[in-house]
């Protein structure tokens, strides 16, 4: 069986026809509700919020599974999504978005926190396991494959003997917060580079 190819991340010249499907659907993972707003698990939401501010894209309700916005980044149509479910049910939003916009998973990018990366590091990959992240696990289950792009934002590991769930649902200390804020900005830069120059250049420049 031929391996899945992510050709969508080659730079494209976008026409202005409103019916054209998005070049990329960016789903940031996080938990809804103000009590989770500043927690490590919401790093994906932070990236979506930054992209929306930078590019003038309004995030509205959209659907029972997700809030979303539609706009342009680097001359291409892009959909930004913040699921309305908890992280461990993120696959519902991913499934809905692919069906709604009638695109394949090669136009899907998931942005999420990662405890395996130190604060301030980011990694763009085109496939891989869940690595213990329940949101990625949910999306793999919903799509039936590990072959979708993900952009991981490092939030650091819990201290020895500390509970991992408590860690990701906790807030960052000030120094780590500065590092992660910088990583979120670089993650947003990575999305723009993917669309303008392709995924290979994005990985070379930002990983």
Protein backbone atom coordinates (compact mmCIF):
# COMPACT_ATOMS: atom_id res chain seq x y z
CA UNK A 1 0.00 0.00 0.00
CA UNK A 2 1.48 3.42 -0.91
CA UNK A 3 2.37 5.69 1.98
CA UNK A 4 0.17 8.68 2.63
CA UNK A 5 1.55 11.89 1.13
CA UNK A 6 1.06 15.37 2.54
CA UNK A 7 1.20 17.26 -0.74
CA UNK A 8 -1.18 19.95 0.47
CA UNK A 9 1.63 21.68 2.34
CA UNK A 10 3.37 22.68 -0.87
CA UNK A 11 2.81 26.40 -1.46
CA UNK A 12 -0.33 27.01 -3.52
CA UNK A 13 -1.65 29.93 -5.51
CA UNK A 14 -5.13 30.49 -4.17
CA UNK A 15 -8.02 31.60 -6.35
CA UNK A 16 -10.61 33.84 -4.73
CA UNK A 17 -13.60 31.63 -5.40
CA UNK A 18 -15.62 31.36 -2.21
CA UNK A 19 -16.36 27.69 -2.91
CA UNK A 20 -12.70 26.72 -2.74
CA UNK A 21 -11.96 24.40 0.20
CA UNK A 22 -9.50 25.60 2.84
CA UNK A 23 -5.82 25.00 2.23
CA UNK A 24 -5.45 24.13 5.91
CA UNK A 25 -7.66 23.43 8.91
CA UNK A 26 -5.80 24.27 12.12
CA UNK A 27 -7.26 22.71 15.26
CA UNK A 28 -5.85 23.89 18.57
CA UNK A 29 -6.48 21.53 21.47
CA UNK A 30 -7.60 22.69 24.89
CA UNK A 31 -10.38 22.48 27.43
CA UNK A 32 -13.30 24.94 27.25
CA UNK A 33 -14.15 27.16 30.18
CA UNK A 34 -12.39 29.99 32.04
CA UNK A 35 -11.06 27.65 34.73
CA UNK A 36 -8.80 25.99 32.14
CA UNK A 37 -7.79 29.10 30.21
CA UNK A 38 -4.28 29.43 31.69
CA UNK A 39 -3.46 25.73 32.05
CA UNK A 40 -0.72 23.90 30.14
CA UNK A 41 -3.25 21.72 28.32
CA UNK A 42 -4.60 24.82 26.56
CA UNK A 43 -1.44 25.70 24.64
CA UNK A 44 -3.21 24.76 21.41
CA UNK A 45 -5.98 27.26 22.17
CA UNK A 46 -3.34 29.95 22.81
CA UNK A 47 -1.89 29.41 19.33
CA UNK A 48 -5.33 29.61 17.68
CA UNK A 49 -6.10 32.83 19.56
CA UNK A 50 -2.79 34.33 18.41
CA UNK A 51 -3.37 33.32 14.78
CA UNK A 52 -6.85 34.83 14.94
CA UNK A 53 -5.50 38.14 16.29
CA UNK A 54 -2.65 38.31 13.82
CA UNK A 55 -4.77 37.63 10.76
CA UNK A 56 -8.06 39.25 11.73
CA UNK A 57 -10.02 36.00 11.88
CA UNK A 58 -13.07 35.96 14.15
CA UNK A 59 -13.61 32.77 16.16
CA UNK A 60 -17.35 32.13 16.64
CA UNK A 61 -19.53 29.22 17.76
CA UNK A 62 -19.75 27.34 14.46
CA UNK A 63 -21.02 23.93 15.64
CA UNK A 64 -21.75 21.96 18.81
CA UNK A 65 -18.29 20.33 18.57
CA UNK A 66 -16.18 23.40 17.85
CA UNK A 67 -15.84 27.14 17.66
CA UNK A 68 -14.23 28.18 14.41
CA UNK A 69 -13.18 31.02 12.15
CA UNK A 70 -12.50 31.28 8.42
CA UNK A 71 -9.97 33.67 6.87
CA UNK A 72 -6.71 34.14 4.98
CA UNK A 73 -3.15 33.37 6.06
CA UNK A 74 -0.31 33.77 3.55
CA UNK A 75 -2.84 34.17 0.74
CA UNK A 76 -4.67 30.91 1.42
CA UNK A 77 -8.03 30.16 2.96
CA UNK A 78 -7.57 28.78 6.46
CA UNK A 79 -10.04 27.51 9.06
CA UNK A 80 -9.12 27.94 12.73
CA UNK A 81 -10.81 25.67 15.26
CA UNK A 82 -11.10 25.51 19.05
CA UNK A 83 -13.06 22.37 19.99
CA UNK A 84 -15.94 22.83 22.45
CA UNK A 85 -15.42 19.36 23.89
CA UNK A 86 -12.83 18.43 26.48
CA UNK A 87 -9.41 17.45 25.14
CA UNK A 88 -10.06 13.72 25.35
CA UNK A 89 -12.94 14.08 22.86
CA UNK A 90 -11.13 16.24 20.30
CA UNK A 91 -11.69 13.64 17.58
CA UNK A 92 -15.33 14.74 17.31
CA UNK A 93 -14.30 18.19 16.11
CA UNK A 94 -11.66 16.83 13.72
CA UNK A 95 -14.19 14.48 12.12
CA UNK A 96 -16.78 17.22 11.80
CA UNK A 97 -14.38 19.69 10.19
CA UNK A 98 -13.09 17.26 7.57
CA UNK A 99 -16.67 16.37 6.65
CA UNK A 100 -17.94 19.95 6.68
CA UNK A 101 -15.22 21.27 4.37
CA UNK A 102 -14.95 18.07 2.32
CA UNK A 103 -11.19 17.82 2.61
CA UNK A 104 -8.87 14.96 3.45
CA UNK A 105 -6.66 14.71 6.49
CA UNK A 106 -3.67 16.06 4.54
CA UNK A 107 -5.21 19.50 5.13
CA UNK A 108 -5.48 19.03 8.88
CA UNK A 109 -2.99 20.40 11.42
CA UNK A 110 -3.39 19.75 15.14
CA UNK A 111 -1.70 22.12 17.59
CA UNK A 112 -1.29 20.80 21.13
CA UNK A 113 0.78 20.85 24.31
CA UNK A 114 3.46 18.22 24.86
CA UNK A 115 5.00 17.26 28.19
CA UNK A 116 7.84 15.39 26.44
CA UNK A 117 9.24 18.70 25.15
CA UNK A 118 10.79 21.27 27.47
CA UNK A 119 9.07 24.64 27.76
CA UNK A 120 9.87 26.81 24.74
CA UNK A 121 10.45 23.99 22.24
CA UNK A 122 8.14 23.19 19.32
CA UNK A 123 8.04 20.24 16.94
CA UNK A 124 6.21 19.86 13.63
CA UNK A 125 5.63 16.29 12.49
CA UNK A 126 3.46 14.79 9.74
CA UNK A 127 2.49 11.65 11.63
CA UNK A 128 3.16 9.69 14.80
CA UNK A 129 1.69 8.09 17.88
CA UNK A 130 -0.35 9.84 20.53
CA UNK A 131 2.64 9.96 22.88
CA UNK A 132 0.29 9.81 25.86
CA UNK A 133 -1.74 12.86 24.76
CA UNK A 134 -5.43 12.06 25.12
CA UNK A 135 -6.47 14.63 22.51
CA UNK A 136 -4.20 13.13 19.87
CA UNK A 137 -5.38 9.67 20.95
CA UNK A 138 -9.00 10.74 20.37
CA UNK A 139 -8.20 12.11 16.91
CA UNK A 140 -6.30 8.94 15.92
CA UNK A 141 -9.33 6.90 17.00
CA UNK A 142 -11.78 9.14 15.14
CA UNK A 143 -9.78 9.25 11.90
CA UNK A 144 -8.55 5.66 12.06
CA UNK A 145 -4.95 6.69 11.36
CA UNK A 146 -1.87 8.33 12.87
CA UNK A 147 -1.12 10.05 9.57
CA UNK A 148 -2.04 13.66 10.19
CA UNK A 149 0.18 16.64 10.96
CA UNK A 150 0.67 17.90 14.47
CA UNK A 151 2.52 20.88 15.88
CA UNK A 152 3.55 20.27 19.47
CA UNK A 153 4.32 23.02 21.99
CA UNK A 154 6.53 21.95 24.87
CA UNK A 155 5.21 22.55 28.38
CA UNK A 156 7.72 20.41 30.28
CA UNK A 157 7.40 17.25 32.33
CA UNK A 158 5.91 17.03 35.82
CA UNK A 159 8.28 16.76 38.74
CA UNK A 160 9.12 13.26 39.87
CA UNK A 161 6.15 11.47 41.45
CA UNK A 162 3.82 14.30 40.38
CA UNK A 163 0.56 13.39 38.67
CA UNK A 164 0.62 14.04 34.93
CA UNK A 165 -3.03 15.09 34.78
CA UNK A 166 -2.53 17.59 37.59
CA UNK A 167 0.52 18.87 35.72
CA UNK A 168 -1.21 19.57 32.39
CA UNK A 169 -4.22 21.05 34.19
CA UNK A 170 -1.96 23.34 36.20
CA UNK A 171 -0.68 26.80 35.36
CA UNK A 172 2.87 27.52 34.26
CA UNK A 173 5.31 29.22 36.63
CA UNK A 174 6.43 32.67 35.39
CA UNK A 175 9.72 31.63 33.75
CA UNK A 176 8.15 28.67 31.95
CA UNK A 177 5.23 30.90 30.91
CA UNK A 178 7.64 33.27 29.16
CA UNK A 179 9.24 30.37 27.31
CA UNK A 180 5.91 28.86 26.29
CA UNK A 181 4.54 32.23 25.17
CA UNK A 182 7.56 32.55 22.86
CA UNK A 183 6.95 29.01 21.59
CA UNK A 184 3.31 29.85 20.83
CA UNK A 185 4.45 32.79 18.71
CA UNK A 186 6.89 30.56 16.84
CA UNK A 187 4.15 27.97 16.37
CA UNK A 188 1.99 30.65 14.73
CA UNK A 189 4.96 31.58 12.53
CA UNK A 190 5.27 27.91 11.59
CA UNK A 191 1.68 27.79 10.34
CA UNK A 192 2.31 30.78 8.08
CA UNK A 193 5.54 29.23 6.77
CA UNK A 194 3.77 25.96 5.99
CA UNK A 195 1.26 27.82 3.86
CA UNK A 196 3.69 30.16 2.11
CA UNK A 197 6.79 28.00 1.67
CA UNK A 198 5.79 24.40 2.36
CA UNK A 199 6.12 21.95 5.19
CA UNK A 200 9.76 21.05 4.57
CA UNK A 201 10.86 24.65 4.94
CA UNK A 202 8.65 25.04 8.01
CA UNK A 203 10.24 22.01 9.66
CA UNK A 204 13.77 23.11 8.76
CA UNK A 205 13.23 26.64 10.00
CA UNK A 206 11.16 26.16 13.15
CA UNK A 207 11.84 22.68 14.60
